[in-house]
Amino acid sequence: MQRYFGVFVAVAAVVGGIIFAVKKYDAKTEEGLREVSLARLRGDYLERAAWLHSVPDQKAYIDENQNFLRWYFKEVTGHLNRHGGDRDFKEYLKELDARAGKGREDPKADEKKAVYEYTRAVFESFKKGDYAPWWSATDKGIRLDIVSADPMRVDGEEKIHMPVVVWGLPREERVSDKNIRTVSVNASFKFNWKLFDEKGKLLGEMPGEGGPDSRVDWPERYIRFFPPQVVIGHYDIDKLPAEVKKVEIEWTISARAVTGGDIYATYKWAGEPPASWMLGSGETWKGAQESVRPEEEIDPSKRK
């Protein structure tokens, strides 16, 4: 019997190898199916989302976009049901913890976690299915949403807090020699607020360039299933003097398409400022500076 022992061991090793190979093959097959499913979901999303960026009417856009986001997150759930995955959408945090567990302390870990939490809050607002921005406009196929315009205390001061979501900006993807993937958006932002009194006379302007603050060009880096081709951030604007009765706001986005072309998109809002935007009694407008303008620019009645 002992002379067969070596044969038994050899057979067991062969069988074990076959089982290992089959399991490895099955794992690779499942991984391939998972990646195909993700690619299909992304492709379907981008195909359906393109026209939403250009819907001119805000109410129609909100209605259609809510239906669209409900469809998208239903598809995300279906993908997770079929192929598994992190239903808590905390893969990025687990990645950071895994690095720390290997002794690779990241001095920017807290900063990265804060970006994740910022991104997660926007993700959840989409996921609820009732996303309805305060104001929205489209130009050149790029949509700008001002999510809200409510006061918020920032560094001890009340500011007009304006979270923004930009849909459809072209992005550039690069893979380094170390197989590290990065995605960036070659775009710059400007805004200008014009403030008028009750007679339409220009009282002042608030120009700004850069930002938005906490800008995230690649939200999918932090949450895999964040809707693609979205840039998020926010602006914090000083409250307005009591004599301001009308406001005109212009946002400008300049971007470079991956094909090399330039994109200039402009968005304008005009109206009576909400009471929550105004400074309280006895409060002064900080940071005001004087500038010289043509009389006809300050007072429309002087125009010929």
C-alpha atoms as a PDB file:
ATOM      1  CA  MET A   1       0.000   0.000   0.000  1.00  0.00           C
ATOM      2  CA  GLN A   2       2.850   2.359   0.833  1.00  0.00           C
ATOM      3  CA  ARG A   3       4.148   2.167  -2.719  1.00  0.00           C
ATOM      4  CA  TYR A   4       0.888   3.783  -3.863  1.00  0.00           C
ATOM      5  CA  PHE A   5       1.164   6.635  -1.402  1.00  0.00           C
ATOM      6  CA  GLY A   6       3.261   8.726  -3.773  1.00  0.00           C
ATOM      7  CA  VAL A   7       0.690   8.184  -6.519  1.00  0.00           C
ATOM      8  CA  PHE A   8      -2.130   9.282  -4.204  1.00  0.00           C
ATOM      9  CA  VAL A   9      -0.204  12.417  -3.264  1.00  0.00           C
ATOM     10  CA  ALA A  10       0.460  13.206  -6.921  1.00  0.00           C
ATOM     11  CA  VAL A  11      -3.217  12.696  -7.821  1.00  0.00           C
ATOM     12  CA  ALA A  12      -4.302  14.888  -4.910  1.00  0.00           C
ATOM     13  CA  ALA A  13      -1.898  17.613  -6.020  1.00  0.00           C
ATOM     14  CA  VAL A  14      -3.237  17.465  -9.580  1.00  0.00           C
ATOM     15  CA  VAL A  15      -6.842  17.603  -8.389  1.00  0.00           C
ATOM     16  CA  GLY A  16      -6.015  20.490  -6.048  1.00  0.00           C
ATOM     17  CA  GLY A  17      -4.325  22.323  -8.894  1.00  0.00           C
ATOM     18  CA  ILE A  18      -7.336  21.828 -11.127  1.00  0.00           C
ATOM     19  CA  ILE A  19      -9.700  23.124  -8.432  1.00  0.00           C
ATOM     20  CA  PHE A  20      -7.450  26.149  -7.846  1.00  0.00           C
ATOM     21  CA  ALA A  21      -7.281  26.869 -11.574  1.00  0.00           C
ATOM     22  CA  VAL A  22     -11.050  26.558 -11.955  1.00  0.00           C
ATOM     23  CA  LYS A  23     -11.666  28.909  -9.058  1.00  0.00           C
ATOM     24  CA  LYS A  24      -9.157  31.371 -10.438  1.00  0.00           C
ATOM     25  CA  TYR A  25     -10.801  31.134 -13.854  1.00  0.00           C
ATOM     26  CA  ASP A  26     -14.232  31.674 -12.309  1.00  0.00           C
ATOM     27  CA  ALA A  27     -12.924  34.684 -10.391  1.00  0.00           C
ATOM     28  CA  LYS A  28     -11.431  36.184 -13.540  1.00  0.00           C
ATOM     29  CA  THR A  29     -14.642  35.470 -15.429  1.00  0.00           C
ATOM     30  CA  GLU A  30     -16.715  37.201 -12.734  1.00  0.00           C
ATOM     31  CA  GLU A  31     -14.300  40.122 -12.705  1.00  0.00           C
ATOM     32  CA  GLY A  32     -14.655  40.412 -16.463  1.00  0.00           C
ATOM     33  CA  LEU A  33     -18.448  40.319 -16.241  1.00  0.00           C
ATOM     34  CA  ARG A  34     -18.355  42.971 -13.526  1.00  0.00           C
ATOM     35  CA  GLU A  35     -16.206  45.273 -15.656  1.00  0.00           C
ATOM     36  CA  VAL A  36     -18.455  44.718 -18.695  1.00  0.00           C
ATOM     37  CA  SER A  37     -21.490  45.581 -16.574  1.00  0.00           C
ATOM     38  CA  LEU A  38     -19.813  48.756 -15.305  1.00  0.00           C
ATOM     39  CA  ALA A  39     -18.843  49.787 -18.836  1.00  0.00           C
ATOM     40  CA  ARG A  40     -22.392  49.174 -20.062  1.00  0.00           C
ATOM     41  CA  LEU A  41     -23.853  51.191 -17.169  1.00  0.00           C
ATOM     42  CA  ARG A  42     -21.488  54.070 -17.825  1.00  0.00           C
ATOM     43  CA  GLY A  43     -22.180  53.988 -21.574  1.00  0.00           C
ATOM     44  CA  ASP A  44     -25.949  53.981 -21.043  1.00  0.00           C
ATOM     45  CA  TYR A  45     -25.643  56.847 -18.583  1.00  0.00           C
ATOM     46  CA  LEU A  46     -23.588  59.054 -20.904  1.00  0.00           C
ATOM     47  CA  GLU A  47     -25.861  58.349 -23.872  1.00  0.00           C
ATOM     48  CA  ARG A  48     -28.998  59.267 -21.915  1.00  0.00           C
ATOM     49  CA  ALA A  49     -27.473  62.218 -20.054  1.00  0.00           C
ATOM     50  CA  ALA A  50     -26.202  64.117 -23.091  1.00  0.00           C
ATOM     51  CA  TRP A  51     -29.527  65.654 -24.079  1.00  0.00           C
ATOM     52  CA  LEU A  52     -30.374  66.596 -20.478  1.00  0.00           C
ATOM     53  CA  HIS A  53     -27.479  69.047 -20.479  1.00  0.00           C
ATOM     54  CA  SER A  54     -29.303  71.091 -23.128  1.00  0.00           C
ATOM     55  CA  VAL A  55     -32.917  71.158 -21.889  1.00  0.00           C
ATOM     56  CA  PRO A  56     -33.669  74.919 -21.798  1.00  0.00           C
ATOM     57  CA  ASP A  57     -36.658  74.968 -19.446  1.00  0.00           C
ATOM     58  CA  GLN A  58     -35.691  74.585 -15.789  1.00  0.00           C
ATOM     59  CA  LYS A  59     -38.871  72.796 -14.681  1.00  0.00           C
ATOM     60  CA  ALA A  60     -38.670  70.334 -17.572  1.00  0.00           C
ATOM     61  CA  TYR A  61     -35.005  69.733 -16.779  1.00  0.00           C
ATOM     62  CA  ILE A  62     -35.698  69.071 -13.095  1.00  0.00           C
ATOM     63  CA  ASP A  63     -38.529  66.636 -13.874  1.00  0.00           C
ATOM     64  CA  GLU A  64     -36.537  64.767 -16.499  1.00  0.00           C
ATOM     65  CA  ASN A  65     -33.350  64.728 -14.442  1.00  0.00           C
ATOM     66  CA  GLN A  66     -35.128  63.321 -11.393  1.00  0.00           C
ATOM     67  CA  ASN A  67     -36.497  60.472 -13.529  1.00  0.00           C
ATOM     68  CA  PHE A  68     -33.077  59.975 -15.041  1.00  0.00           C
ATOM     69  CA  LEU A  69     -31.312  59.789 -11.663  1.00  0.00           C
ATOM     70  CA  ARG A  70     -33.918  57.330 -10.353  1.00  0.00           C
ATOM     71  CA  TRP A  71     -33.214  55.138 -13.381  1.00  0.00           C
ATOM     72  CA  TYR A  72     -29.467  55.410 -12.891  1.00  0.00           C
ATOM     73  CA  PHE A  73     -29.462  54.428  -9.217  1.00  0.00           C
ATOM     74  CA  LYS A  74     -31.872  51.579  -9.933  1.00  0.00           C
ATOM     75  CA  GLU A  75     -29.309  50.299 -12.446  1.00  0.00           C
ATOM     76  CA  VAL A  76     -26.555  50.723  -9.841  1.00  0.00           C
ATOM     77  CA  THR A  77     -28.555  48.587  -7.405  1.00  0.00           C
ATOM     78  CA  GLY A  78     -29.088  45.968 -10.111  1.00  0.00           C
ATOM     79  CA  HIS A  79     -25.360  45.868 -10.817  1.00  0.00           C
ATOM     80  CA  LEU A  80     -24.561  45.401  -7.126  1.00  0.00           C
ATOM     81  CA  ASN A  81     -27.185  42.647  -6.840  1.00  0.00           C
ATOM     82  CA  ARG A  82     -25.642  40.752  -9.753  1.00  0.00           C
ATOM     83  CA  HIS A  83     -21.947  41.305  -9.133  1.00  0.00           C
ATOM     84  CA  GLY A  84     -21.601  42.381  -5.518  1.00  0.00           C
ATOM     85  CA  GLY A  85     -19.745  45.378  -4.217  1.00  0.00           C
ATOM     86  CA  ASP A  86     -19.758  47.913  -1.417  1.00  0.00           C
ATOM     87  CA  ARG A  87     -23.373  48.959  -0.904  1.00  0.00           C
ATOM     88  CA  ASP A  88     -22.231  51.580   1.600  1.00  0.00           C
ATOM     89  CA  PHE A  89     -20.057  53.238  -1.059  1.00  0.00           C
ATOM     90  CA  LYS A  90     -17.080  53.428   1.312  1.00  0.00           C
ATOM     91  CA  GLU A  91     -14.467  51.770  -0.898  1.00  0.00           C
ATOM     92  CA  TYR A  92     -12.308  54.905  -0.910  1.00  0.00           C
ATOM     93  CA  LEU A  93     -12.254  55.098   2.891  1.00  0.00           C
ATOM     94  CA  LYS A  94     -11.361  51.404   3.076  1.00  0.00           C
ATOM     95  CA  GLU A  95      -8.549  52.041   0.606  1.00  0.00           C
ATOM     96  CA  LEU A  96      -7.144  54.805   2.814  1.00  0.00           C
ATOM     97  CA  ASP A  97      -7.424  52.591   5.904  1.00  0.00           C
ATOM     98  CA  ALA A  98      -5.716  49.707   4.100  1.00  0.00           C
ATOM     99  CA  ARG A  99      -2.767  51.932   3.203  1.00  0.00           C
ATOM    100  CA  ALA A 100      -2.487  53.131   6.788  1.00  0.00           C
ATOM    101  CA  GLY A 101      -2.620  49.506   7.982  1.00  0.00           C
ATOM    102  CA  LYS A 102       0.448  48.740   5.881  1.00  0.00           C
ATOM    103  CA  GLY A 103       2.375  51.522   7.539  1.00  0.00           C
ATOM    104  CA  ARG A 104       1.956  53.941   4.649  1.00  0.00           C
ATOM    105  CA  GLU A 105       0.748  56.921   6.635  1.00  0.00           C
ATOM    106  CA  ASP A 106      -0.667  59.662   4.448  1.00  0.00           C
ATOM    107  CA  PRO A 107      -0.217  63.198   5.850  1.00  0.00           C
ATOM    108  CA  LYS A 108      -3.202  64.279   3.722  1.00  0.00           C
ATOM    109  CA  ALA A 109      -5.498  61.476   4.890  1.00  0.00           C
ATOM    110  CA  ASP A 110      -7.818  63.782   6.836  1.00  0.00           C
ATOM    111  CA  GLU A 111      -8.030  66.167   3.896  1.00  0.00           C
ATOM    112  CA  LYS A 112      -8.880  63.298   1.546  1.00  0.00           C
ATOM    113  CA  LYS A 113     -11.545  61.992   3.921  1.00  0.00           C
ATOM    114  CA  ALA A 114     -13.072  65.479   4.031  1.00  0.00           C
ATOM    115  CA  VAL A 115     -13.257  65.517   0.222  1.00  0.00           C
ATOM    116  CA  TYR A 116     -14.930  62.101   0.347  1.00  0.00           C
ATOM    117  CA  GLU A 117     -17.540  63.365   2.835  1.00  0.00           C
ATOM    118  CA  TYR A 118     -18.148  66.466   0.703  1.00  0.00           C
ATOM    119  CA  THR A 119     -18.616  64.299  -2.385  1.00  0.00           C
ATOM    120  CA  ARG A 120     -20.754  61.800  -0.489  1.00  0.00           C
ATOM    121  CA  ALA A 121     -23.210  64.550   0.535  1.00  0.00           C
ATOM    122  CA  VAL A 122     -23.774  65.506  -3.116  1.00  0.00           C
ATOM    123  CA  PHE A 123     -24.020  61.835  -4.089  1.00  0.00           C
ATOM    124  CA  GLU A 124     -26.758  61.274  -1.502  1.00  0.00           C
ATOM    125  CA  SER A 125     -28.683  64.307  -2.755  1.00  0.00           C
ATOM    126  CA  PHE A 126     -28.721  62.724  -6.231  1.00  0.00           C
ATOM    127  CA  LYS A 127     -29.553  59.294  -4.870  1.00  0.00           C
ATOM    128  CA  LYS A 128     -32.699  60.483  -3.073  1.00  0.00           C
ATOM    129  CA  GLY A 129     -34.337  61.084  -6.456  1.00  0.00           C
ATOM    130  CA  ASP A 130     -35.685  64.563  -5.645  1.00  0.00           C
ATOM    131  CA  TYR A 131     -32.725  66.666  -6.761  1.00  0.00           C
ATOM    132  CA  ALA A 132     -34.098  70.122  -7.655  1.00  0.00           C
ATOM    133  CA  PRO A 133     -31.573  72.977  -7.926  1.00  0.00           C
ATOM    134  CA  TRP A 134     -32.554  76.525  -6.949  1.00  0.00           C
ATOM    135  CA  TRP A 135     -31.553  77.716 -10.427  1.00  0.00           C
ATOM    136  CA  SER A 136     -30.252  76.008 -13.549  1.00  0.00           C
ATOM    137  CA  ALA A 137     -29.158  77.096 -17.024  1.00  0.00           C
ATOM    138  CA  THR A 138     -27.438  75.594 -20.032  1.00  0.00           C
ATOM    139  CA  ASP A 139     -25.029  76.891 -22.657  1.00  0.00           C
ATOM    140  CA  LYS A 140     -22.855  75.101 -25.229  1.00  0.00           C
ATOM    141  CA  GLY A 141     -24.119  71.742 -23.955  1.00  0.00           C
ATOM    142  CA  ILE A 142     -22.766  72.405 -20.440  1.00  0.00           C
ATOM    143  CA  ARG A 143     -25.277  72.729 -17.617  1.00  0.00           C
ATOM    144  CA  LEU A 144     -24.750  74.844 -14.494  1.00  0.00           C
ATOM    145  CA  ASP A 145     -26.876  74.140 -11.438  1.00  0.00           C
ATOM    146  CA  ILE A 146     -26.942  76.489  -8.459  1.00  0.00           C
ATOM    147  CA  VAL A 147     -28.190  73.943  -5.956  1.00  0.00           C
ATOM    148  CA  SER A 148     -29.235  76.453  -3.287  1.00  0.00           C
ATOM    149  CA  ALA A 149     -28.635  80.063  -2.274  1.00  0.00           C
ATOM    150  CA  ASP A 150     -29.171  80.141   1.461  1.00  0.00           C
ATOM    151  CA  PRO A 151     -27.139  81.901   4.147  1.00  0.00           C
ATOM    152  CA  MET A 152     -24.518  79.886   5.988  1.00  0.00           C
ATOM    153  CA  ARG A 153     -22.030  80.837   8.666  1.00  0.00           C
ATOM    154  CA  VAL A 154     -18.504  80.590   7.255  1.00  0.00           C
ATOM    155  CA  ASP A 155     -15.498  81.450   9.426  1.00  0.00           C
ATOM    156  CA  GLY A 156     -17.757  83.331  11.811  1.00  0.00           C
ATOM    157  CA  GLU A 157     -19.578  85.372   9.135  1.00  0.00           C
ATOM    158  CA  GLU A 158     -22.920  84.914   7.414  1.00  0.00           C
ATOM    159  CA  LYS A 159     -22.398  84.262   3.708  1.00  0.00           C
ATOM    160  CA  ILE A 160     -24.624  83.450   0.734  1.00  0.00           C
ATOM    161  CA  HIS A 161     -23.759  79.781   0.292  1.00  0.00           C
ATOM    162  CA  MET A 162     -24.123  78.530  -3.288  1.00  0.00           C
ATOM    163  CA  PRO A 163     -23.288  74.871  -3.976  1.00  0.00           C
ATOM    164  CA  VAL A 164     -22.778  74.332  -7.715  1.00  0.00           C
ATOM    165  CA  VAL A 165     -23.000  71.270  -9.928  1.00  0.00           C
ATOM    166  CA  VAL A 166     -21.662  71.429 -13.488  1.00  0.00           C
ATOM    167  CA  TRP A 167     -22.728  68.686 -15.905  1.00  0.00           C
ATOM    168  CA  GLY A 168     -21.033  67.783 -19.178  1.00  0.00           C
ATOM    169  CA  LEU A 169     -17.607  69.404 -18.984  1.00  0.00           C
ATOM    170  CA  PRO A 170     -15.064  67.526 -21.108  1.00  0.00           C
ATOM    171  CA  ARG A 171     -12.474  65.608 -19.112  1.00  0.00           C
ATOM    172  CA  GLU A 172      -9.066  64.184 -19.844  1.00  0.00           C
ATOM    173  CA  GLU A 173      -8.000  60.778 -18.571  1.00  0.00           C
ATOM    174  CA  ARG A 174      -4.377  59.775 -18.147  1.00  0.00           C
ATOM    175  CA  VAL A 175      -2.670  56.581 -17.003  1.00  0.00           C
ATOM    176  CA  SER A 176       0.876  56.919 -15.658  1.00  0.00           C
ATOM    177  CA  ASP A 177       3.771  54.509 -16.150  1.00  0.00           C
ATOM    178  CA  LYS A 178       2.834  53.059 -12.754  1.00  0.00           C
ATOM    179  CA  ASN A 179      -0.697  52.380 -14.028  1.00  0.00           C
ATOM    180  CA  ILE A 180      -2.158  55.179 -11.887  1.00  0.00           C
ATOM    181  CA  ARG A 181      -5.293  56.630 -13.468  1.00  0.00           C
ATOM    182  CA  THR A 182      -6.147  60.323 -13.139  1.00  0.00           C
ATOM    183  CA  VAL A 183      -8.991  62.386 -14.596  1.00  0.00           C
ATOM    184  CA  SER A 184      -8.890  66.180 -14.831  1.00  0.00           C
ATOM    185  CA  VAL A 185     -11.078  68.978 -16.193  1.00  0.00           C
ATOM    186  CA  ASN A 186      -9.336  71.798 -18.022  1.00  0.00           C
ATOM    187  CA  ALA A 187     -11.803  74.548 -17.098  1.00  0.00           C
ATOM    188  CA  SER A 188     -11.747  77.937 -15.392  1.00  0.00           C
ATOM    189  CA  PHE A 189     -14.620  79.732 -13.677  1.00  0.00           C
ATOM    190  CA  LYS A 190     -15.505  83.419 -13.322  1.00  0.00           C
ATOM    191  CA  PHE A 191     -18.469  85.263 -11.883  1.00  0.00           C
ATOM    192  CA  ASN A 192     -19.621  88.854 -11.613  1.00  0.00           C
ATOM    193  CA  TRP A 193     -22.429  90.277  -9.485  1.00  0.00           C
ATOM    194  CA  LYS A 194     -23.926  93.657 -10.464  1.00  0.00           C
ATOM    195  CA  LEU A 195     -25.926  95.409  -7.763  1.00  0.00           C
ATOM    196  CA  PHE A 196     -28.594  98.018  -8.548  1.00  0.00           C
ATOM    197  CA  ASP A 197     -30.819 100.290  -6.494  1.00  0.00           C
ATOM    198  CA  GLU A 198     -34.575 100.685  -6.930  1.00  0.00           C
ATOM    199  CA  LYS A 199     -34.068 103.125  -9.843  1.00  0.00           C
ATOM    200  CA  GLY A 200     -31.739 100.782 -11.703  1.00  0.00           C
ATOM    201  CA  LYS A 201     -28.602 102.699 -10.779  1.00  0.00           C
ATOM    202  CA  LEU A 202     -25.455 100.612 -10.464  1.00  0.00           C
ATOM    203  CA  LEU A 203     -24.314 100.540  -6.836  1.00  0.00           C
ATOM    204  CA  GLY A 204     -21.448  98.106  -7.077  1.00  0.00           C
ATOM    205  CA  GLU A 205     -20.023  94.903  -8.468  1.00  0.00           C
ATOM    206  CA  MET A 206     -18.577  91.740  -6.974  1.00  0.00           C
ATOM    207  CA  PRO A 207     -16.285  90.043  -9.494  1.00  0.00           C
ATOM    208  CA  GLY A 208     -14.567  86.754  -8.809  1.00  0.00           C
ATOM    209  CA  GLU A 209     -12.251  84.385 -10.621  1.00  0.00           C
ATOM    210  CA  GLY A 210     -11.269  80.837  -9.850  1.00  0.00           C
ATOM    211  CA  GLY A 211     -12.951  78.224  -7.760  1.00  0.00           C
ATOM    212  CA  PRO A 212     -15.473  77.088  -7.000  1.00  0.00           C
ATOM    213  CA  ASP A 213     -14.290  76.295  -3.470  1.00  0.00           C
ATOM    214  CA  SER A 214     -13.876  72.595  -2.611  1.00  0.00           C
ATOM    215  CA  ARG A 215     -13.945  71.872  -6.340  1.00  0.00           C
ATOM    216  CA  VAL A 216     -13.963  68.164  -7.212  1.00  0.00           C
ATOM    217  CA  ASP A 217     -13.295  67.370 -10.877  1.00  0.00           C
ATOM    218  CA  TRP A 218     -13.447  63.581 -10.522  1.00  0.00           C
ATOM    219  CA  PRO A 219     -16.078  62.583  -7.942  1.00  0.00           C
ATOM    220  CA  GLU A 220     -15.963  58.936  -9.114  1.00  0.00           C
ATOM    221  CA  ARG A 221     -12.502  58.690  -7.570  1.00  0.00           C
ATOM    222  CA  TYR A 222     -14.157  58.958  -4.165  1.00  0.00           C
ATOM    223  CA  ILE A 223     -17.424  57.150  -4.909  1.00  0.00           C
ATOM    224  CA  ARG A 224     -17.279  54.673  -7.772  1.00  0.00           C
ATOM    225  CA  PHE A 225     -20.932  55.102  -8.756  1.00  0.00           C
ATOM    226  CA  PHE A 226     -21.052  58.902  -8.636  1.00  0.00           C
ATOM    227  CA  PRO A 227     -22.741  60.013 -11.888  1.00  0.00           C
ATOM    228  CA  PRO A 228     -19.982  60.548 -14.486  1.00  0.00           C
ATOM    229  CA  GLN A 229     -18.897  63.831 -16.036  1.00  0.00           C
ATOM    230  CA  VAL A 230     -19.850  66.061 -13.107  1.00  0.00           C
ATOM    231  CA  VAL A 231     -17.861  68.808 -11.355  1.00  0.00           C
ATOM    232  CA  ILE A 232     -18.967  69.956  -7.894  1.00  0.00           C
ATOM    233  CA  GLY A 233     -18.019  72.785  -5.546  1.00  0.00           C
ATOM    234  CA  HIS A 234     -19.478  75.900  -3.917  1.00  0.00           C
ATOM    235  CA  TYR A 235     -19.204  79.660  -3.617  1.00  0.00           C
ATOM    236  CA  ASP A 236     -19.562  81.714  -0.441  1.00  0.00           C
ATOM    237  CA  ILE A 237     -20.579  85.282  -1.283  1.00  0.00           C
ATOM    238  CA  ASP A 238     -20.711  88.318   1.003  1.00  0.00           C
ATOM    239  CA  LYS A 239     -24.202  89.456   1.921  1.00  0.00           C
ATOM    240  CA  LEU A 240     -25.559  92.553   0.163  1.00  0.00           C
ATOM    241  CA  PRO A 241     -26.253  96.108   1.377  1.00  0.00           C
ATOM    242  CA  ALA A 242     -29.867  96.953   2.212  1.00  0.00           C
ATOM    243  CA  GLU A 243     -30.177  99.478  -0.646  1.00  0.00           C
ATOM    244  CA  VAL A 244     -29.669  96.761  -3.298  1.00  0.00           C
ATOM    245  CA  LYS A 245     -32.990  96.038  -5.002  1.00  0.00           C
ATOM    246  CA  LYS A 246     -31.894  94.124  -8.083  1.00  0.00           C
ATOM    247  CA  VAL A 247     -29.031  91.761  -8.781  1.00  0.00           C
ATOM    248  CA  GLU A 248     -27.574  90.496 -12.053  1.00  0.00           C
ATOM    249  CA  ILE A 249     -25.186  87.548 -11.808  1.00  0.00           C
ATOM    250  CA  GLU A 250     -23.103  86.237 -14.672  1.00  0.00           C
ATOM    251  CA  TRP A 251     -21.095  83.024 -14.469  1.00  0.00           C
ATOM    252  CA  THR A 252     -18.571  82.168 -17.165  1.00  0.00           C
ATOM    253  CA  ILE A 253     -16.942  78.786 -17.720  1.00  0.00           C
ATOM    254  CA  SER A 254     -14.002  78.465 -20.100  1.00  0.00           C
ATOM    255  CA  ALA A 255     -12.978  74.932 -20.977  1.00  0.00           C
ATOM    256  CA  ARG A 256     -10.744  73.078 -23.374  1.00  0.00           C
ATOM    257  CA  ALA A 257     -12.237  70.094 -25.161  1.00  0.00           C
ATOM    258  CA  VAL A 258     -10.109  66.964 -25.491  1.00  0.00           C
ATOM    259  CA  THR A 259     -10.134  67.586 -29.261  1.00  0.00           C
ATOM    260  CA  GLY A 260      -8.376  70.918 -28.678  1.00  0.00           C
ATOM    261  CA  GLY A 261     -11.301  73.292 -29.191  1.00  0.00           C
ATOM    262  CA  ASP A 262     -12.197  76.080 -26.772  1.00  0.00           C
ATOM    263  CA  ILE A 263     -15.566  76.284 -25.044  1.00  0.00           C
ATOM    264  CA  TYR A 264     -16.963  79.508 -23.560  1.00  0.00           C
ATOM    265  CA  ALA A 265     -20.233  79.095 -21.699  1.00  0.00           C
ATOM    266  CA  THR A 266     -22.117  81.987 -20.072  1.00  0.00           C
ATOM    267  CA  TYR A 267     -25.015  81.872 -17.614  1.00  0.00           C
ATOM    268  CA  LYS A 268     -27.040  84.865 -16.377  1.00  0.00           C
ATOM    269  CA  TRP A 269     -29.465  85.294 -13.495  1.00  0.00           C
ATOM    270  CA  ALA A 270     -31.289  88.531 -12.751  1.00  0.00           C
ATOM    271  CA  GLY A 271     -33.920  89.379 -10.184  1.00  0.00           C
ATOM    272  CA  GLU A 272     -34.810  90.817  -6.821  1.00  0.00           C
ATOM    273  CA  PRO A 273     -32.460  89.436  -4.161  1.00  0.00           C
ATOM    274  CA  PRO A 274     -34.088  87.249  -1.483  1.00  0.00           C
ATOM    275  CA  ALA A 275     -34.320  88.825   1.962  1.00  0.00           C
ATOM    276  CA  SER A 276     -31.869  86.204   3.285  1.00  0.00           C
ATOM    277  CA  TRP A 277     -29.138  87.676   1.049  1.00  0.00           C
ATOM    278  CA  MET A 278     -29.293  91.083   2.699  1.00  0.00           C
ATOM    279  CA  LEU A 279     -27.176  92.449   5.515  1.00  0.00           C
ATOM    280  CA  GLY A 280     -28.951  93.101   8.776  1.00  0.00           C
ATOM    281  CA  SER A 281     -29.634  96.455  10.359  1.00  0.00           C
ATOM    282  CA  GLY A 282     -26.384  98.162  11.350  1.00  0.00           C
ATOM    283  CA  GLU A 283     -24.190  95.741   9.370  1.00  0.00           C
ATOM    284  CA  THR A 284     -21.752  97.200   6.854  1.00  0.00           C
ATOM    285  CA  TRP A 285     -20.547  95.833   3.539  1.00  0.00           C
ATOM    286  CA  LYS A 286     -16.983  94.698   4.134  1.00  0.00           C
ATOM    287  CA  GLY A 287     -14.245  94.834   1.561  1.00  0.00           C
ATOM    288  CA  ALA A 288     -15.905  97.535  -0.568  1.00  0.00           C
ATOM    289  CA  GLN A 289     -13.600  99.483  -2.898  1.00  0.00           C
ATOM    290  CA  GLU A 290     -14.262 102.535  -5.045  1.00  0.00           C
ATOM    291  CA  SER A 291     -13.809 102.482  -8.815  1.00  0.00           C
ATOM    292  CA  VAL A 292     -14.483 104.942 -11.633  1.00  0.00           C
ATOM    293  CA  ARG A 293     -17.084 104.021 -14.257  1.00  0.00           C
ATOM    294  CA  PRO A 294     -18.691 105.946 -17.133  1.00  0.00           C
ATOM    295  CA  GLU A 295     -21.813 107.797 -16.002  1.00  0.00           C
ATOM    296  CA  GLU A 296     -24.032 105.989 -18.518  1.00  0.00           C
ATOM    297  CA  GLU A 297     -22.873 102.642 -17.114  1.00  0.00           C
ATOM    298  CA  ILE A 298     -23.792 103.659 -13.582  1.00  0.00           C
ATOM    299  CA  ASP A 299     -27.119 105.329 -14.450  1.00  0.00           C
ATOM    300  CA  PRO A 300     -29.055 103.845 -17.413  1.00  0.00           C
ATOM    301  CA  SER A 301     -31.106 107.070 -17.721  1.00  0.00           C
ATOM    302  CA  LYS A 302     -27.967 108.868 -18.918  1.00  0.00           C
ATOM    303  CA  ARG A 303     -27.576 106.641 -21.944  1.00  0.00           C
ATOM    304  CA  LYS A 304     -28.278 108.302 -25.265  1.00  0.00           C
END
